[in-house]
Amino acid sequence: MGCGLIQGTLVAYYFGTADDEVRAATDAHLISCKKCLSAYLEIKRHAEAPADEAPSDALQARLRADIAAIVQPPALARVRRWMAGPVPRYKIASVAAVLVILAALAARESAPQPEPLAGTRLDTARTSDGNAGAY
């Protein structure tokens, strides 16, 4: 990544909202580029400088959410990237677990439900063996 691209990601890098790939590329670039490192340290100095009035927690949360919305790829792109990578065991296990849950839910919905006997009352004071004769 060039300096122009890195300097566009420094704020997200500082706030921890940068993607793992962007974070790794930024780390590698900051080690070798003094210009970008000084720009990052300037951002850090401004962000951590004591101010007369500190921004509220709600404002900081909104700023982080806005930065994340700009920097993070859409959900479909994240799913595609997740699917494109090598398939480790945890991915296979998570997909299998979801399929098992869906199959169990489908089987539960399609299983016949016993119908109550119309006009039959059971004597609840007796044990189940004595309940054989419903009246």
N, C-alpha and C. Protein backbone atom coordinates (compact mmCIF):
# COMPACT_ATOMS: atom_id res chain seq x y z
N MET A 1 0.84 -1.19 0.00
CA MET A 1 0.00 0.00 0.00
C MET A 1 0.88 1.24 0.00
N GLY A 2 0.44 2.22 -0.75
CA GLY A 2 1.18 3.47 -0.82
C GLY A 2 0.80 4.41 0.30
N CYS A 3 1.55 5.51 0.38
CA CYS A 3 1.33 6.48 1.46
C CYS A 3 -0.09 7.07 1.40
N GLY A 4 -0.59 7.33 0.20
CA GLY A 4 -1.92 7.90 0.07
C GLY A 4 -2.99 6.99 0.65
N LEU A 5 -2.89 5.70 0.38
CA LEU A 5 -3.86 4.75 0.90
C LEU A 5 -3.71 4.58 2.41
N ILE A 6 -2.48 4.52 2.87
CA ILE A 6 -2.23 4.34 4.30
C ILE A 6 -2.76 5.54 5.09
N GLN A 7 -2.49 6.75 4.60
CA GLN A 7 -2.93 7.93 5.35
C GLN A 7 -4.45 8.01 5.40
N GLY A 8 -5.14 7.39 4.44
CA GLY A 8 -6.60 7.35 4.49
C GLY A 8 -7.14 6.38 5.52
N THR A 9 -6.31 5.47 5.99
CA THR A 9 -6.77 4.47 6.96
C THR A 9 -6.24 4.69 8.37
N LEU A 10 -5.46 5.74 8.57
CA LEU A 10 -4.82 5.94 9.88
C LEU A 10 -5.82 6.18 11.01
N VAL A 11 -6.90 6.89 10.74
CA VAL A 11 -7.88 7.16 11.80
C VAL A 11 -8.57 5.86 12.21
N ALA A 12 -8.97 5.05 11.20
CA ALA A 12 -9.59 3.76 11.50
C ALA A 12 -8.59 2.84 12.20
N TYR A 13 -7.34 2.91 11.80
CA TYR A 13 -6.29 2.12 12.44
C TYR A 13 -6.15 2.51 13.91
N TYR A 14 -6.18 3.81 14.19
CA TYR A 14 -6.04 4.28 15.56
C TYR A 14 -7.22 3.83 16.43
N PHE A 15 -8.44 3.95 15.91
CA PHE A 15 -9.63 3.59 16.69
C PHE A 15 -9.90 2.10 16.71
N GLY A 16 -9.12 1.30 16.00
CA GLY A 16 -9.28 -0.15 16.03
C GLY A 16 -10.44 -0.66 15.18
N THR A 17 -10.91 0.13 14.22
CA THR A 17 -12.01 -0.32 13.37
C THR A 17 -11.53 -0.79 12.01
N ALA A 18 -10.24 -0.75 11.77
CA ALA A 18 -9.69 -1.20 10.49
C ALA A 18 -9.77 -2.71 10.38
N ASP A 19 -9.98 -3.18 9.16
CA ASP A 19 -10.03 -4.60 8.85
C ASP A 19 -8.66 -5.23 9.16
N ASP A 20 -8.63 -6.54 9.42
CA ASP A 20 -7.38 -7.21 9.76
C ASP A 20 -6.32 -7.05 8.67
N GLU A 21 -6.75 -7.16 7.42
CA GLU A 21 -5.80 -7.02 6.30
C GLU A 21 -5.25 -5.61 6.23
N VAL A 22 -6.12 -4.62 6.40
CA VAL A 22 -5.70 -3.22 6.36
C VAL A 22 -4.79 -2.94 7.55
N ARG A 23 -5.12 -3.49 8.70
CA ARG A 23 -4.31 -3.29 9.90
C ARG A 23 -2.89 -3.86 9.70
N ALA A 24 -2.81 -5.05 9.13
CA ALA A 24 -1.49 -5.67 8.89
C ALA A 24 -0.69 -4.85 7.88
N ALA A 25 -1.34 -4.39 6.82
CA ALA A 25 -0.63 -3.59 5.81
C ALA A 25 -0.17 -2.26 6.41
N THR A 26 -1.03 -1.66 7.26
CA THR A 26 -0.66 -0.40 7.90
C THR A 26 0.51 -0.60 8.86
N ASP A 27 0.48 -1.69 9.63
CA ASP A 27 1.60 -2.00 10.52
C ASP A 27 2.91 -2.09 9.74
N ALA A 28 2.88 -2.85 8.65
CA ALA A 28 4.09 -3.04 7.85
C ALA A 28 4.57 -1.72 7.25
N HIS A 29 3.63 -0.89 6.81
CA HIS A 29 4.01 0.38 6.19
C HIS A 29 4.55 1.37 7.22
N LEU A 30 3.92 1.42 8.39
CA LEU A 30 4.39 2.38 9.41
C LEU A 30 5.80 2.09 9.89
N ILE A 31 6.19 0.83 9.84
CA ILE A 31 7.55 0.47 10.25
C ILE A 31 8.57 1.04 9.29
N SER A 32 8.21 1.10 8.00
CA SER A 32 9.20 1.52 7.00
C SER A 32 9.06 2.97 6.54
N CYS A 33 7.97 3.65 6.86
CA CYS A 33 7.73 5.01 6.34
C CYS A 33 7.63 6.01 7.48
N LYS A 34 8.65 6.88 7.59
CA LYS A 34 8.67 7.87 8.67
C LYS A 34 7.59 8.93 8.48
N LYS A 35 7.26 9.26 7.24
CA LYS A 35 6.24 10.28 6.96
C LYS A 35 4.87 9.82 7.46
N CYS A 36 4.50 8.59 7.16
CA CYS A 36 3.20 8.06 7.59
C CYS A 36 3.19 7.83 9.11
N LEU A 37 4.32 7.42 9.66
CA LEU A 37 4.41 7.23 11.11
C LEU A 37 4.21 8.55 11.83
N SER A 38 4.82 9.62 11.32
CA SER A 38 4.63 10.92 11.98
C SER A 38 3.19 11.40 11.83
N ALA A 39 2.54 11.09 10.69
CA ALA A 39 1.12 11.44 10.52
C ALA A 39 0.27 10.67 11.52
N TYR A 40 0.58 9.39 11.73
CA TYR A 40 -0.16 8.58 12.70
C TYR A 40 0.05 9.12 14.12
N LEU A 41 1.28 9.45 14.46
CA LEU A 41 1.55 9.98 15.79
C LEU A 41 0.86 11.32 16.01
N GLU A 42 0.73 12.13 14.95
CA GLU A 42 0.01 13.40 15.05
C GLU A 42 -1.48 13.16 15.32
N ILE A 43 -2.06 12.18 14.63
CA ILE A 43 -3.47 11.81 14.88
C ILE A 43 -3.62 11.34 16.32
N LYS A 44 -2.70 10.49 16.75
CA LYS A 44 -2.75 9.96 18.11
C LYS A 44 -2.61 11.07 19.15
N ARG A 45 -1.72 12.02 18.88
CA ARG A 45 -1.51 13.13 19.80
C ARG A 45 -2.77 13.98 19.92
N HIS A 46 -3.42 14.25 18.79
CA HIS A 46 -4.66 15.05 18.83
C HIS A 46 -5.79 14.30 19.51
N ALA A 47 -5.86 13.01 19.27
CA ALA A 47 -6.96 12.22 19.85
C ALA A 47 -6.81 12.06 21.36
N GLU A 48 -5.57 11.98 21.82
CA GLU A 48 -5.33 11.73 23.23
C GLU A 48 -5.02 13.00 24.02
N ALA A 49 -5.00 14.14 23.35
CA ALA A 49 -4.70 15.39 24.05
C ALA A 49 -5.85 15.77 24.96
N PRO A 50 -5.52 16.23 26.15
CA PRO A 50 -6.61 16.67 27.03
C PRO A 50 -7.27 17.91 26.43
N ALA A 51 -8.55 17.92 26.49
CA ALA A 51 -9.31 19.05 25.95
C ALA A 51 -10.07 19.72 27.09
N ASP A 52 -10.50 20.93 26.82
CA ASP A 52 -11.29 21.64 27.83
C ASP A 52 -12.59 20.88 28.09
N GLU A 53 -13.17 20.40 27.02
CA GLU A 53 -14.42 19.66 27.14
C GLU A 53 -14.27 18.37 26.34
N ALA A 54 -14.25 17.28 27.03
CA ALA A 54 -14.10 15.98 26.37
C ALA A 54 -15.40 15.61 25.68
N PRO A 55 -15.31 14.97 24.50
CA PRO A 55 -16.54 14.53 23.83
C PRO A 55 -17.25 13.47 24.66
N SER A 56 -18.56 13.46 24.55
CA SER A 56 -19.35 12.50 25.33
C SER A 56 -19.13 11.09 24.80
N ASP A 57 -19.50 10.14 25.62
CA ASP A 57 -19.39 8.73 25.22
C ASP A 57 -20.26 8.44 24.00
N ALA A 58 -21.42 9.07 23.93
CA ALA A 58 -22.32 8.86 22.79
C ALA A 58 -21.69 9.40 21.50
N LEU A 59 -21.03 10.55 21.59
CA LEU A 59 -20.37 11.10 20.41
C LEU A 59 -19.22 10.22 19.96
N GLN A 60 -18.43 9.72 20.90
CA GLN A 60 -17.33 8.83 20.55
C GLN A 60 -17.86 7.54 19.91
N ALA A 61 -18.94 7.00 20.45
CA ALA A 61 -19.52 5.77 19.89
C ALA A 61 -20.04 6.03 18.48
N ARG A 62 -20.68 7.19 18.27
CA ARG A 62 -21.19 7.52 16.94
C ARG A 62 -20.04 7.70 15.95
N LEU A 63 -18.97 8.33 16.38
CA LEU A 63 -17.80 8.51 15.51
C LEU A 63 -17.20 7.17 15.13
N ARG A 64 -17.06 6.27 16.10
CA ARG A 64 -16.52 4.94 15.80
C ARG A 64 -17.43 4.18 14.84
N ALA A 65 -18.73 4.30 15.03
CA ALA A 65 -19.68 3.62 14.13
C ALA A 65 -19.61 4.19 12.73
N ASP A 66 -19.48 5.52 12.61
CA ASP A 66 -19.37 6.14 11.29
C ASP A 66 -18.09 5.71 10.58
N ILE A 67 -17.00 5.66 11.32
CA ILE A 67 -15.73 5.23 10.73
C ILE A 67 -15.81 3.76 10.31
N ALA A 68 -16.39 2.94 11.17
CA ALA A 68 -16.53 1.52 10.84
C ALA A 68 -17.39 1.32 9.60
N ALA A 69 -18.45 2.12 9.45
CA ALA A 69 -19.31 2.00 8.28
C ALA A 69 -18.57 2.36 7.00
N ILE A 70 -17.65 3.30 7.10
CA ILE A 70 -16.88 3.71 5.92
C ILE A 70 -15.79 2.68 5.61
N VAL A 71 -15.11 2.21 6.64
CA VAL A 71 -13.93 1.36 6.44
C VAL A 71 -14.30 -0.10 6.22
N GLN A 72 -15.28 -0.62 6.96
CA GLN A 72 -15.61 -2.03 6.86
C GLN A 72 -16.34 -2.33 5.56
N PRO A 73 -16.00 -3.42 4.93
CA PRO A 73 -16.72 -3.79 3.71
C PRO A 73 -18.14 -4.24 4.06
N PRO A 74 -19.04 -4.23 3.07
CA PRO A 74 -20.41 -4.70 3.33
C PRO A 74 -20.43 -6.16 3.77
N ALA A 75 -21.54 -6.56 4.37
CA ALA A 75 -21.65 -7.91 4.92
C ALA A 75 -21.43 -8.98 3.85
N LEU A 76 -21.97 -8.75 2.66
CA LEU A 76 -21.82 -9.74 1.59
C LEU A 76 -20.35 -9.92 1.22
N ALA A 77 -19.59 -8.84 1.18
CA ALA A 77 -18.16 -8.94 0.87
C ALA A 77 -17.42 -9.69 1.97
N ARG A 78 -17.81 -9.46 3.25
CA ARG A 78 -17.15 -10.18 4.34
C ARG A 78 -17.46 -11.68 4.26
N VAL A 79 -18.71 -12.03 3.91
CA VAL A 79 -19.06 -13.44 3.79
C VAL A 79 -18.29 -14.09 2.64
N ARG A 80 -18.20 -13.39 1.51
CA ARG A 80 -17.44 -13.93 0.38
C ARG A 80 -15.98 -14.15 0.74
N ARG A 81 -15.39 -13.18 1.45
CA ARG A 81 -13.99 -13.32 1.86
C ARG A 81 -13.84 -14.49 2.84
N TRP A 82 -14.81 -14.65 3.73
CA TRP A 82 -14.78 -15.76 4.70
C TRP A 82 -14.86 -17.09 3.96
N MET A 83 -15.72 -17.15 2.95
CA MET A 83 -15.88 -18.39 2.20
C MET A 83 -14.69 -18.67 1.27
N ALA A 84 -14.00 -17.63 0.83
CA ALA A 84 -12.89 -17.81 -0.11
C ALA A 84 -11.63 -18.36 0.57
N GLY A 85 -11.51 -18.18 1.85
CA GLY A 85 -10.32 -18.63 2.56
C GLY A 85 -10.26 -20.14 2.69
N PRO A 86 -9.15 -20.66 3.17
CA PRO A 86 -9.07 -22.09 3.41
C PRO A 86 -10.12 -22.51 4.44
N VAL A 87 -10.54 -23.73 4.35
CA VAL A 87 -11.64 -24.20 5.20
C VAL A 87 -11.07 -24.89 6.43
N PRO A 88 -10.93 -24.17 7.54
CA PRO A 88 -10.47 -24.81 8.77
C PRO A 88 -11.61 -25.58 9.43
N ARG A 89 -11.26 -26.35 10.40
CA ARG A 89 -12.24 -27.22 11.06
C ARG A 89 -13.38 -26.45 11.71
N TYR A 90 -13.08 -25.28 12.28
CA TYR A 90 -14.16 -24.56 12.95
C TYR A 90 -15.22 -24.08 11.98
N LYS A 91 -14.83 -23.78 10.73
CA LYS A 91 -15.83 -23.39 9.74
C LYS A 91 -16.73 -24.57 9.39
N ILE A 92 -16.12 -25.73 9.22
CA ILE A 92 -16.90 -26.92 8.89
C ILE A 92 -17.83 -27.26 10.06
N ALA A 93 -17.31 -27.17 11.27
CA ALA A 93 -18.12 -27.49 12.44
C ALA A 93 -19.28 -26.50 12.60
N SER A 94 -19.04 -25.23 12.34
CA SER A 94 -20.11 -24.24 12.48
C SER A 94 -21.19 -24.45 11.42
N VAL A 95 -20.80 -24.75 10.20
CA VAL A 95 -21.79 -25.02 9.15
C VAL A 95 -22.57 -26.29 9.47
N ALA A 96 -21.88 -27.31 9.95
CA ALA A 96 -22.56 -28.56 10.31
C ALA A 96 -23.55 -28.33 11.45
N ALA A 97 -23.17 -27.54 12.43
CA ALA A 97 -24.07 -27.26 13.56
C ALA A 97 -25.33 -26.53 13.10
N VAL A 98 -25.16 -25.58 12.20
CA VAL A 98 -26.32 -24.86 11.68
C VAL A 98 -27.23 -25.80 10.91
N LEU A 99 -26.65 -26.69 10.10
CA LEU A 99 -27.46 -27.64 9.34
C LEU A 99 -28.20 -28.60 10.25
N VAL A 100 -27.56 -29.05 11.31
CA VAL A 100 -28.22 -29.96 12.26
C VAL A 100 -29.39 -29.25 12.95
N ILE A 101 -29.18 -28.01 13.35
CA ILE A 101 -30.26 -27.26 14.00
C ILE A 101 -31.42 -27.05 13.05
N LEU A 102 -31.12 -26.70 11.80
CA LEU A 102 -32.19 -26.51 10.82
C LEU A 102 -32.94 -27.80 10.55
N ALA A 103 -32.22 -28.93 10.46
CA ALA A 103 -32.88 -30.22 10.24
C ALA A 103 -33.75 -30.60 11.43
N ALA A 104 -33.29 -30.33 12.64
CA ALA A 104 -34.08 -30.64 13.83
C ALA A 104 -35.35 -29.80 13.88
N LEU A 105 -35.23 -28.53 13.52
CA LEU A 105 -36.40 -27.66 13.50
C LEU A 105 -37.40 -28.10 12.43
N ALA A 106 -36.90 -28.51 11.27
CA ALA A 106 -37.78 -28.97 10.20
C ALA A 106 -38.47 -30.26 10.60
N ALA A 107 -37.74 -31.18 11.25
CA ALA A 107 -38.34 -32.44 11.67
C ALA A 107 -39.38 -32.20 12.76
N ARG A 108 -39.12 -31.26 13.61
CA ARG A 108 -40.07 -30.95 14.70
C ARG A 108 -41.36 -30.37 14.15
N GLU A 109 -41.24 -29.54 13.12
CA GLU A 109 -42.42 -28.93 12.52
C GLU A 109 -43.24 -29.95 11.73
N SER A 110 -42.58 -30.91 11.09
CA SER A 110 -43.29 -31.86 10.24
C SER A 110 -43.77 -33.11 11.00
N ALA A 111 -43.36 -33.28 12.24
CA ALA A 111 -43.78 -34.46 13.01
C ALA A 111 -45.27 -34.35 13.33
N PRO A 112 -45.99 -35.46 13.20
CA PRO A 112 -47.42 -35.40 13.50
C PRO A 112 -47.65 -35.19 14.99
N GLN A 113 -48.57 -34.32 15.28
CA GLN A 113 -48.91 -34.02 16.67
C GLN A 113 -50.09 -34.89 17.08
N PRO A 114 -50.05 -35.51 18.25
CA PRO A 114 -51.18 -36.34 18.67
C PRO A 114 -52.41 -35.47 18.90
N GLU A 115 -53.52 -35.95 18.43
CA GLU A 115 -54.76 -35.22 18.60
C GLU A 115 -55.41 -35.62 19.92
N PRO A 116 -55.95 -34.68 20.64
CA PRO A 116 -56.60 -35.03 21.91
C PRO A 116 -57.88 -35.83 21.63
N LEU A 117 -58.16 -36.76 22.53
CA LEU A 117 -59.35 -37.57 22.39
C LEU A 117 -60.56 -36.73 22.78
N ALA A 118 -61.49 -36.64 21.89
CA ALA A 118 -62.66 -35.81 22.14
C ALA A 118 -63.57 -36.50 23.14
N GLY A 119 -63.98 -35.80 24.15
CA GLY A 119 -64.91 -36.31 25.13
C GLY A 119 -64.31 -37.28 26.13
N THR A 120 -63.01 -37.49 26.14
CA THR A 120 -62.37 -38.42 27.06
C THR A 120 -61.74 -37.62 28.18
N ARG A 121 -62.00 -38.06 29.39
CA ARG A 121 -61.39 -37.43 30.56
C ARG A 121 -60.53 -38.46 31.26
N LEU A 122 -59.43 -38.04 31.76
CA LEU A 122 -58.53 -38.93 32.48
C LEU A 122 -58.64 -38.64 33.96
N ASP A 123 -58.58 -39.69 34.76
CA ASP A 123 -58.62 -39.54 36.21
C ASP A 123 -57.21 -39.21 36.67
N THR A 124 -56.94 -37.98 37.04
CA THR A 124 -55.60 -37.56 37.40
C THR A 124 -55.22 -37.97 38.81
N ALA A 125 -56.15 -38.48 39.60
CA ALA A 125 -55.84 -38.92 40.95
C ALA A 125 -55.23 -40.31 40.94
N ARG A 126 -55.36 -41.03 39.87
CA ARG A 126 -54.80 -42.39 39.78
C ARG A 126 -53.45 -42.36 39.12
N THR A 127 -52.72 -43.42 39.30
CA THR A 127 -51.44 -43.56 38.63
C THR A 127 -51.70 -43.82 37.15
N SER A 128 -50.65 -43.77 36.36
CA SER A 128 -50.83 -43.97 34.92
C SER A 128 -51.33 -45.38 34.62
N ASP A 129 -51.00 -46.41 35.46
CA ASP A 129 -51.51 -47.76 35.22
C ASP A 129 -53.01 -47.82 35.48
N GLY A 130 -53.46 -47.10 36.46
CA GLY A 130 -54.88 -47.11 36.78
C GLY A 130 -55.68 -46.20 35.87
N ASN A 131 -55.00 -45.48 35.02
CA ASN A 131 -55.66 -44.55 34.13
C ASN A 131 -56.07 -45.20 32.83
N ALA A 132 -55.85 -46.47 32.70
CA ALA A 132 -56.15 -47.15 31.46
C ALA A 132 -57.64 -47.06 31.14
N GLY A 133 -58.45 -47.04 32.11
CA GLY A 133 -59.88 -46.93 31.86
C GLY A 133 -60.34 -45.50 31.93
N ALA A 134 -60.38 -44.84 30.82
CA ALA A 134 -60.86 -43.50 30.82
C ALA A 134 -62.38 -43.51 30.84
N TYR A 135 -62.99 -42.60 31.51
CA TYR A 135 -64.46 -42.59 31.61
C TYR A 135 -65.04 -41.37 30.94
